[in-house]
Amino acid sequence: MTVNDADLAAVEKQLGREPRGVLAISYRSPDGAPGVVKTAPRLPDGTPFPTLYYLTDPRLTGEASRLEVAHVMKWMEERLATDESLQADYRAAHEHYLAERNALEDLGTDFTGGGMPERVKCLHVLIAYALAEGPDRVRFGTEAVALAADRGGLRGTAIPADWPTCAELGFDAHQFDDLYQEAAK
């Protein structure tokens, strides 16, 4: 997807500041709002910016923050430490992200974002990555989007109606209810 002046104005309103280094809108919500931008590996002033996919929709950023406060990252990290298939998925997602960014410009670093491939550090990055690339690219991002859709009520508005559900992914969307409710206050 490309980016035009109207997109940039919408993203500026979402962020509350002028967007920098935007190359494209990588994801639009079902209601048409920009949700994820693809950013240049180096900002116009020359500053390295390794975050290829940047979450902009306030509905999504707010939900990502609530999920972080609800300890979703800790749950993911515990599983990552013991599940070889998750480790392989996360490493493959890391390598793909790095290849995509390096195709634009190689920053000379293997840092990708979100803690990949060894930690789960930022759900904002993982949600942006999953929405930009689709539900088959990064399992933890797909799960975080499912939680945002199912727990945050964003299915069909900020998240596609057909995004996999928590139940389809094999986990209980309500396992974080106590912490989630606290984060939503």
C-alpha atoms as a PDB file:
ATOM      1  CA  MET A   1       0.000   0.000   0.000  1.00  0.00           C
ATOM      2  CA  THR A   2       1.148   3.506  -0.693  1.00  0.00           C
ATOM      3  CA  VAL A   3       0.714   6.620   1.378  1.00  0.00           C
ATOM      4  CA  ASN A   4      -0.858   9.935   0.367  1.00  0.00           C
ATOM      5  CA  ASP A   5      -1.349  13.307   2.022  1.00  0.00           C
ATOM      6  CA  ALA A   6      -4.714  12.312   3.493  1.00  0.00           C
ATOM      7  CA  ASP A   7      -3.122   9.201   5.038  1.00  0.00           C
ATOM      8  CA  LEU A   8      -0.307  11.244   6.511  1.00  0.00           C
ATOM      9  CA  ALA A   9      -2.805  13.735   7.950  1.00  0.00           C
ATOM     10  CA  ALA A  10      -4.812  10.888   9.504  1.00  0.00           C
ATOM     11  CA  VAL A  11      -1.666   9.342  10.996  1.00  0.00           C
ATOM     12  CA  GLU A  12      -0.586  12.738  12.326  1.00  0.00           C
ATOM     13  CA  LYS A  13      -3.949  13.079  14.059  1.00  0.00           C
ATOM     14  CA  GLN A  14      -3.631   9.535  15.480  1.00  0.00           C
ATOM     15  CA  LEU A  15      -0.120  10.125  16.809  1.00  0.00           C
ATOM     16  CA  GLY A  16      -0.582  13.742  17.867  1.00  0.00           C
ATOM     17  CA  ARG A  17       2.604  14.626  16.008  1.00  0.00           C
ATOM     18  CA  GLU A  18       3.946  14.715  12.473  1.00  0.00           C
ATOM     19  CA  PRO A  19       4.778  11.191  11.301  1.00  0.00           C
ATOM     20  CA  ARG A  20       8.358  10.599  10.202  1.00  0.00           C
ATOM     21  CA  GLY A  21       9.763   8.258   7.604  1.00  0.00           C
ATOM     22  CA  VAL A  22       6.398   6.806   6.530  1.00  0.00           C
ATOM     23  CA  LEU A  23       6.746   4.771   3.345  1.00  0.00           C
ATOM     24  CA  ALA A  24       3.322   3.143   3.205  1.00  0.00           C
ATOM     25  CA  ILE A  25       0.173   2.284   5.064  1.00  0.00           C
ATOM     26  CA  SER A  26       0.776  -1.409   5.757  1.00  0.00           C
ATOM     27  CA  TYR A  27      -2.584  -2.058   7.370  1.00  0.00           C
ATOM     28  CA  ARG A  28      -5.965  -0.350   7.267  1.00  0.00           C
ATOM     29  CA  SER A  29      -8.669  -1.261   9.711  1.00  0.00           C
ATOM     30  CA  PRO A  30     -11.998  -2.561   8.404  1.00  0.00           C
ATOM     31  CA  ASP A  31     -13.442   0.911   8.954  1.00  0.00           C
ATOM     32  CA  GLY A  32     -10.730   2.380   6.700  1.00  0.00           C
ATOM     33  CA  ALA A  33      -8.441   4.063   9.230  1.00  0.00           C
ATOM     34  CA  PRO A  34      -4.678   3.673   8.900  1.00  0.00           C
ATOM     35  CA  GLY A  35      -3.581   1.217  11.571  1.00  0.00           C
ATOM     36  CA  VAL A  36       0.045   0.390  10.801  1.00  0.00           C
ATOM     37  CA  VAL A  37       2.635   2.359   8.863  1.00  0.00           C
ATOM     38  CA  LYS A  38       5.750   0.984   7.244  1.00  0.00           C
ATOM     39  CA  THR A  39       8.638   3.228   8.144  1.00  0.00           C
ATOM     40  CA  ALA A  40      12.014   3.813   6.553  1.00  0.00           C
ATOM     41  CA  PRO A  41      14.936   2.208   8.390  1.00  0.00           C
ATOM     42  CA  ARG A  42      16.468   5.667   8.622  1.00  0.00           C
ATOM     43  CA  LEU A  43      14.422   8.773   9.362  1.00  0.00           C
ATOM     44  CA  PRO A  44      14.776  11.865   7.138  1.00  0.00           C
ATOM     45  CA  ASP A  45      17.281  13.381   9.590  1.00  0.00           C
ATOM     46  CA  GLY A  46      19.470  10.254   9.326  1.00  0.00           C
ATOM     47  CA  THR A  47      18.481   8.719  12.673  1.00  0.00           C
ATOM     48  CA  PRO A  48      18.314   4.914  12.491  1.00  0.00           C
ATOM     49  CA  PHE A  49      14.757   3.669  13.044  1.00  0.00           C
ATOM     50  CA  PRO A  50      14.691  -0.132  13.128  1.00  0.00           C
ATOM     51  CA  THR A  51      10.929  -0.407  13.710  1.00  0.00           C
ATOM     52  CA  LEU A  52       9.682  -1.389  10.259  1.00  0.00           C
ATOM     53  CA  TYR A  53       5.994  -1.592  11.236  1.00  0.00           C
ATOM     54  CA  TYR A  54       4.646   1.064  13.565  1.00  0.00           C
ATOM     55  CA  LEU A  55       1.208   0.859  15.187  1.00  0.00           C
ATOM     56  CA  THR A  56      -0.725   4.122  14.832  1.00  0.00           C
ATOM     57  CA  ASP A  57      -4.426   3.499  15.450  1.00  0.00           C
ATOM     58  CA  PRO A  58      -5.184   4.674  19.029  1.00  0.00           C
ATOM     59  CA  ARG A  59      -7.689   1.857  19.506  1.00  0.00           C
ATOM     60  CA  LEU A  60      -4.931  -0.639  18.799  1.00  0.00           C
ATOM     61  CA  THR A  61      -2.187   1.149  20.723  1.00  0.00           C
ATOM     62  CA  GLY A  62      -4.462   1.481  23.758  1.00  0.00           C
ATOM     63  CA  GLU A  63      -5.369  -2.182  23.636  1.00  0.00           C
ATOM     64  CA  ALA A  64      -1.710  -3.191  23.221  1.00  0.00           C
ATOM     65  CA  SER A  65      -0.895  -1.200  26.362  1.00  0.00           C
ATOM     66  CA  ARG A  66      -3.725  -2.824  28.324  1.00  0.00           C
ATOM     67  CA  LEU A  67      -2.545  -6.281  27.247  1.00  0.00           C
ATOM     68  CA  GLU A  68       1.009  -5.432  28.318  1.00  0.00           C
ATOM     69  CA  VAL A  69      -0.217  -4.336  31.747  1.00  0.00           C
ATOM     70  CA  ALA A  70      -2.246  -7.576  31.969  1.00  0.00           C
ATOM     71  CA  HIS A  71       1.045  -9.538  31.756  1.00  0.00           C
ATOM     72  CA  VAL A  72       0.409 -11.052  28.335  1.00  0.00           C
ATOM     73  CA  MET A  73       4.113 -10.642  27.499  1.00  0.00           C
ATOM     74  CA  LYS A  74       5.087 -12.618  30.596  1.00  0.00           C
ATOM     75  CA  TRP A  75       2.714 -15.431  29.560  1.00  0.00           C
ATOM     76  CA  MET A  76       4.259 -15.443  26.084  1.00  0.00           C
ATOM     77  CA  GLU A  77       7.821 -15.411  27.401  1.00  0.00           C
ATOM     78  CA  GLU A  78       7.114 -18.359  29.702  1.00  0.00           C
ATOM     79  CA  ARG A  79       5.879 -20.344  26.723  1.00  0.00           C
ATOM     80  CA  LEU A  80       8.766 -19.183  24.538  1.00  0.00           C
ATOM     81  CA  ALA A  81      11.269 -20.527  27.084  1.00  0.00           C
ATOM     82  CA  THR A  82       9.960 -24.086  26.804  1.00  0.00           C
ATOM     83  CA  ASP A  83       8.238 -24.508  23.425  1.00  0.00           C
ATOM     84  CA  GLU A  84      10.568 -25.280  20.528  1.00  0.00           C
ATOM     85  CA  SER A  85       7.896 -24.673  17.888  1.00  0.00           C
ATOM     86  CA  LEU A  86       7.274 -21.167  19.292  1.00  0.00           C
ATOM     87  CA  GLN A  87      11.023 -20.557  19.349  1.00  0.00           C
ATOM     88  CA  ALA A  88      11.266 -21.580  15.685  1.00  0.00           C
ATOM     89  CA  ASP A  89       8.258 -19.414  14.754  1.00  0.00           C
ATOM     90  CA  TYR A  90       9.661 -16.402  16.580  1.00  0.00           C
ATOM     91  CA  ARG A  91      13.114 -16.833  15.032  1.00  0.00           C
ATOM     92  CA  ALA A  92      11.576 -17.138  11.539  1.00  0.00           C
ATOM     93  CA  ALA A  93       9.481 -14.008  12.180  1.00  0.00           C
ATOM     94  CA  HIS A  94      12.619 -12.170  13.333  1.00  0.00           C
ATOM     95  CA  GLU A  95      14.568 -13.237  10.242  1.00  0.00           C
ATOM     96  CA  HIS A  96      11.732 -12.228   7.904  1.00  0.00           C
ATOM     97  CA  TYR A  97      11.351  -8.832   9.599  1.00  0.00           C
ATOM     98  CA  LEU A  98      15.104  -8.240   9.325  1.00  0.00           C
ATOM     99  CA  ALA A  99      15.135  -9.264   5.641  1.00  0.00           C
ATOM    100  CA  GLU A 100      12.192  -6.953   4.861  1.00  0.00           C
ATOM    101  CA  ARG A 101      13.836  -4.006   6.596  1.00  0.00           C
ATOM    102  CA  ASN A 102      17.266  -4.708   5.127  1.00  0.00           C
ATOM    103  CA  ALA A 103      15.751  -4.824   1.643  1.00  0.00           C
ATOM    104  CA  LEU A 104      14.979  -1.137   2.170  1.00  0.00           C
ATOM    105  CA  GLU A 105      18.251  -0.280   3.919  1.00  0.00           C
ATOM    106  CA  ASP A 106      20.616  -2.395   5.983  1.00  0.00           C
ATOM    107  CA  LEU A 107      21.228  -0.677   9.308  1.00  0.00           C
ATOM    108  CA  GLY A 108      24.030  -3.089  10.146  1.00  0.00           C
ATOM    109  CA  THR A 109      22.155  -4.480  13.142  1.00  0.00           C
ATOM    110  CA  ASP A 110      20.146  -7.608  13.789  1.00  0.00           C
ATOM    111  CA  PHE A 111      17.766  -5.766  16.152  1.00  0.00           C
ATOM    112  CA  THR A 112      14.222  -6.055  14.855  1.00  0.00           C
ATOM    113  CA  GLY A 113      11.811  -5.129  17.615  1.00  0.00           C
ATOM    114  CA  GLY A 114       9.367  -6.625  20.027  1.00  0.00           C
ATOM    115  CA  GLY A 115      12.234  -8.508  21.686  1.00  0.00           C
ATOM    116  CA  MET A 116      12.561 -10.930  18.785  1.00  0.00           C
ATOM    117  CA  PRO A 117      13.880 -13.573  18.687  1.00  0.00           C
ATOM    118  CA  GLU A 118      14.638 -14.227  22.362  1.00  0.00           C
ATOM    119  CA  ARG A 119      12.208 -12.099  24.396  1.00  0.00           C
ATOM    120  CA  VAL A 120       8.699 -10.754  24.171  1.00  0.00           C
ATOM    121  CA  LYS A 121       9.225  -7.093  24.889  1.00  0.00           C
ATOM    122  CA  CYS A 122       6.595  -5.049  23.042  1.00  0.00           C
ATOM    123  CA  LEU A 123       3.098  -6.040  21.992  1.00  0.00           C
ATOM    124  CA  HIS A 124       2.745  -2.822  19.986  1.00  0.00           C
ATOM    125  CA  VAL A 125       5.452  -4.055  17.593  1.00  0.00           C
ATOM    126  CA  LEU A 126       4.081  -7.601  17.463  1.00  0.00           C
ATOM    127  CA  ILE A 127       0.521  -6.425  16.795  1.00  0.00           C
ATOM    128  CA  ALA A 128       1.743  -4.050  14.065  1.00  0.00           C
ATOM    129  CA  TYR A 129       3.808  -6.831  12.492  1.00  0.00           C
ATOM    130  CA  ALA A 130       0.955  -9.341  12.555  1.00  0.00           C
ATOM    131  CA  LEU A 131      -1.571  -6.889  11.107  1.00  0.00           C
ATOM    132  CA  ALA A 132       0.846  -5.768   8.376  1.00  0.00           C
ATOM    133  CA  GLU A 133       1.879  -9.283   7.367  1.00  0.00           C
ATOM    134  CA  GLY A 134      -1.220 -11.333   8.222  1.00  0.00           C
ATOM    135  CA  PRO A 135      -2.052 -13.954  10.848  1.00  0.00           C
ATOM    136  CA  ASP A 136       0.399 -16.565   9.571  1.00  0.00           C
ATOM    137  CA  ARG A 137       3.642 -14.586  10.013  1.00  0.00           C
ATOM    138  CA  VAL A 138       4.282 -14.286  13.774  1.00  0.00           C
ATOM    139  CA  ARG A 139       2.357 -16.440  16.261  1.00  0.00           C
ATOM    140  CA  PHE A 140       2.702 -14.094  19.243  1.00  0.00           C
ATOM    141  CA  GLY A 141       1.514 -11.148  17.165  1.00  0.00           C
ATOM    142  CA  THR A 142      -1.429 -13.176  15.908  1.00  0.00           C
ATOM    143  CA  GLU A 143      -2.326 -14.099  19.494  1.00  0.00           C
ATOM    144  CA  ALA A 144      -2.042 -10.491  20.671  1.00  0.00           C
ATOM    145  CA  VAL A 145      -4.308  -9.324  17.841  1.00  0.00           C
ATOM    146  CA  ALA A 146      -6.805 -12.076  18.734  1.00  0.00           C
ATOM    147  CA  LEU A 147      -6.793 -10.896  22.357  1.00  0.00           C
ATOM    148  CA  ALA A 148      -7.325  -7.291  21.234  1.00  0.00           C
ATOM    149  CA  ALA A 149     -10.204  -8.431  19.037  1.00  0.00           C
ATOM    150  CA  ASP A 150     -11.837 -10.743  21.582  1.00  0.00           C
ATOM    151  CA  ARG A 151     -11.131  -8.902  24.859  1.00  0.00           C
ATOM    152  CA  GLY A 152     -10.940  -5.367  23.546  1.00  0.00           C
ATOM    153  CA  GLY A 153     -14.042  -5.570  21.378  1.00  0.00           C
ATOM    154  CA  LEU A 154     -12.146  -4.443  18.285  1.00  0.00           C
ATOM    155  CA  ARG A 155     -13.214  -7.246  15.940  1.00  0.00           C
ATOM    156  CA  GLY A 156     -14.793  -5.769  12.820  1.00  0.00           C
ATOM    157  CA  THR A 157     -13.761  -2.190  13.592  1.00  0.00           C
ATOM    158  CA  ALA A 158     -10.002  -1.930  14.172  1.00  0.00           C
ATOM    159  CA  ILE A 159      -9.351  -5.652  13.504  1.00  0.00           C
ATOM    160  CA  PRO A 160     -10.724  -7.777  10.664  1.00  0.00           C
ATOM    161  CA  ALA A 161     -13.820  -9.778  11.573  1.00  0.00           C
ATOM    162  CA  ASP A 162     -12.198 -12.938  10.225  1.00  0.00           C
ATOM    163  CA  TRP A 163      -8.985 -12.667  12.301  1.00  0.00           C
ATOM    164  CA  PRO A 164      -8.431 -15.964  14.184  1.00  0.00           C
ATOM    165  CA  THR A 165     -10.111 -16.015  17.588  1.00  0.00           C
ATOM    166  CA  CYS A 166      -8.391 -16.920  20.840  1.00  0.00           C
ATOM    167  CA  ALA A 167     -10.398 -20.165  20.904  1.00  0.00           C
ATOM    168  CA  GLU A 168      -9.282 -21.025  17.372  1.00  0.00           C
ATOM    169  CA  LEU A 169      -5.690 -20.382  18.441  1.00  0.00           C
ATOM    170  CA  GLY A 170      -6.157 -22.695  21.409  1.00  0.00           C
ATOM    171  CA  PHE A 171      -6.160 -20.446  24.457  1.00  0.00           C
ATOM    172  CA  ASP A 172      -8.638 -18.818  26.801  1.00  0.00           C
ATOM    173  CA  ALA A 173      -9.251 -15.145  26.074  1.00  0.00           C
ATOM    174  CA  HIS A 174     -10.383 -14.674  29.667  1.00  0.00           C
ATOM    175  CA  GLN A 175      -7.280 -15.976  31.432  1.00  0.00           C
ATOM    176  CA  PHE A 176      -6.082 -12.395  31.954  1.00  0.00           C
ATOM    177  CA  ASP A 177      -9.445 -11.020  33.123  1.00  0.00           C
ATOM    178  CA  ASP A 178      -8.367  -9.793  36.567  1.00  0.00           C
ATOM    179  CA  LEU A 179      -5.299  -7.965  35.314  1.00  0.00           C
ATOM    180  CA  TYR A 180      -7.067  -6.855  32.128  1.00  0.00           C
ATOM    181  CA  GLN A 181      -9.897  -5.242  34.071  1.00  0.00           C
ATOM    182  CA  GLU A 182      -7.356  -3.430  36.216  1.00  0.00           C
ATOM    183  CA  ALA A 183      -5.513  -2.204  33.089  1.00  0.00           C
ATOM    184  CA  ALA A 184      -8.752  -1.017  31.463  1.00  0.00           C
ATOM    185  CA  LYS A 185      -9.453   1.420  34.338  1.00  0.00           C
END
